Amino acid sequence: MATKARLEGGPDDLQGKIVPITPPGQELKIPHHGGYEHFKATTRHEDSSEGRLTVYEWWERTEVAE
């Protein structure tokens, strides 16, 4: 079973989204509108209907070179 995280910050359509993270780590990189949104693990957790989730906080966006 994959571990899941809740996203905090970043683009509105990713805010609060629950995503799988395999394996759990310090950074999560999500493809989004021609680039990547980067989220870092925090020490905070949140209880949800999907269990206890680590909160990942947005910290930067990188563009994909074409």
C-alpha atoms as a PDB file:
ATOM      1  CA  MET A   1       0.000   0.000   0.000  1.00  0.00           C
ATOM      2  CA  ALA A   2       1.354   3.415  -0.983  1.00  0.00           C
ATOM      3  CA  THR A   3       1.757   6.118   1.609  1.00  0.00           C
ATOM      4  CA  LYS A   4      -0.264   9.260   0.907  1.00  0.00           C
ATOM      5  CA  ALA A   5       0.285  12.946   1.579  1.00  0.00           C
ATOM      6  CA  ARG A   6      -1.866  16.070   1.673  1.00  0.00           C
ATOM      7  CA  LEU A   7      -0.585  19.016  -0.349  1.00  0.00           C
ATOM      8  CA  GLU A   8      -0.535  22.518   1.111  1.00  0.00           C
ATOM      9  CA  GLY A   9       0.105  25.671  -0.900  1.00  0.00           C
ATOM     10  CA  GLY A  10       0.954  25.889  -4.582  1.00  0.00           C
ATOM     11  CA  PRO A  11      -1.577  26.126  -7.410  1.00  0.00           C
ATOM     12  CA  ASP A  12      -5.245  26.283  -6.444  1.00  0.00           C
ATOM     13  CA  ASP A  13      -6.069  23.031  -8.242  1.00  0.00           C
ATOM     14  CA  LEU A  14      -3.459  21.130  -6.181  1.00  0.00           C
ATOM     15  CA  GLN A  15      -4.218  22.786  -2.813  1.00  0.00           C
ATOM     16  CA  GLY A  16      -5.475  20.196  -0.326  1.00  0.00           C
ATOM     17  CA  LYS A  17      -5.155  17.317  -2.793  1.00  0.00           C
ATOM     18  CA  ILE A  18      -4.259  13.879  -1.428  1.00  0.00           C
ATOM     19  CA  VAL A  19      -1.584  12.140  -3.487  1.00  0.00           C
ATOM     20  CA  PRO A  20       0.354   8.854  -3.255  1.00  0.00           C
ATOM     21  CA  ILE A  21       4.050   9.035  -2.380  1.00  0.00           C
ATOM     22  CA  THR A  22       6.261   6.043  -3.132  1.00  0.00           C
ATOM     23  CA  PRO A  23       8.641   5.863  -1.416  1.00  0.00           C
ATOM     24  CA  PRO A  24       8.081   8.511   1.264  1.00  0.00           C
ATOM     25  CA  GLY A  25      10.800  11.127   1.192  1.00  0.00           C
ATOM     26  CA  GLN A  26      11.671  14.732   1.725  1.00  0.00           C
ATOM     27  CA  GLU A  27      10.484  16.048  -1.663  1.00  0.00           C
ATOM     28  CA  LEU A  28       7.517  15.386  -3.909  1.00  0.00           C
ATOM     29  CA  LYS A  29       7.647  16.492  -7.574  1.00  0.00           C
ATOM     30  CA  ILE A  30       4.282  16.683  -9.355  1.00  0.00           C
ATOM     31  CA  PRO A  31       3.962  17.250 -13.133  1.00  0.00           C
ATOM     32  CA  HIS A  32       1.631  20.226 -13.626  1.00  0.00           C
ATOM     33  CA  HIS A  33       0.835  22.431 -16.656  1.00  0.00           C
ATOM     34  CA  GLY A  34       4.168  22.094 -18.488  1.00  0.00           C
ATOM     35  CA  GLY A  35       6.360  22.051 -15.395  1.00  0.00           C
ATOM     36  CA  TYR A  36       6.729  20.561 -11.944  1.00  0.00           C
ATOM     37  CA  GLU A  37       5.400  21.697  -8.602  1.00  0.00           C
ATOM     38  CA  HIS A  38       7.762  20.792  -5.754  1.00  0.00           C
ATOM     39  CA  PHE A  39       6.542  20.002  -2.260  1.00  0.00           C
ATOM     40  CA  LYS A  40       8.630  19.268   0.846  1.00  0.00           C
ATOM     41  CA  ALA A  41       7.569  17.075   3.749  1.00  0.00           C
ATOM     42  CA  THR A  42       6.743  18.910   6.968  1.00  0.00           C
ATOM     43  CA  THR A  43       6.665  17.554  10.502  1.00  0.00           C
ATOM     44  CA  ARG A  44       2.879  18.068  10.521  1.00  0.00           C
ATOM     45  CA  HIS A  45       0.287  15.335  10.039  1.00  0.00           C
ATOM     46  CA  GLU A  46      -3.435  15.351   9.386  1.00  0.00           C
ATOM     47  CA  ASP A  47      -6.033  12.700  10.086  1.00  0.00           C
ATOM     48  CA  SER A  48      -8.330  12.043   7.127  1.00  0.00           C
ATOM     49  CA  SER A  49     -10.755   9.429   5.837  1.00  0.00           C
ATOM     50  CA  GLU A  50      -7.682   7.877   4.155  1.00  0.00           C
ATOM     51  CA  GLY A  51      -5.744   7.644   7.415  1.00  0.00           C
ATOM     52  CA  ARG A  52      -2.971   9.764   8.922  1.00  0.00           C
ATOM     53  CA  LEU A  53      -1.288  11.865   6.226  1.00  0.00           C
ATOM     54  CA  THR A  54       1.981  13.773   6.203  1.00  0.00           C
ATOM     55  CA  VAL A  55       1.464  17.380   5.090  1.00  0.00           C
ATOM     56  CA  TYR A  56       3.710  18.393   2.196  1.00  0.00           C
ATOM     57  CA  GLU A  57       4.214  22.120   1.699  1.00  0.00           C
ATOM     58  CA  TRP A  58       4.750  23.760  -1.721  1.00  0.00           C
ATOM     59  CA  TRP A  59       8.132  25.439  -2.116  1.00  0.00           C
ATOM     60  CA  GLU A  60       8.840  26.004  -5.847  1.00  0.00           C
ATOM     61  CA  ARG A  61       7.898  25.433  -9.458  1.00  0.00           C
ATOM     62  CA  THR A  62      10.256  24.425 -12.248  1.00  0.00           C
ATOM     63  CA  GLU A  63       9.498  24.653 -15.964  1.00  0.00           C
ATOM     64  CA  VAL A  64      10.099  21.882 -18.474  1.00  0.00           C
ATOM     65  CA  ALA A  65      12.439  23.014 -21.291  1.00  0.00           C
ATOM     66  CA  GLU A  66      11.048  22.451 -24.773  1.00  0.00           C
END
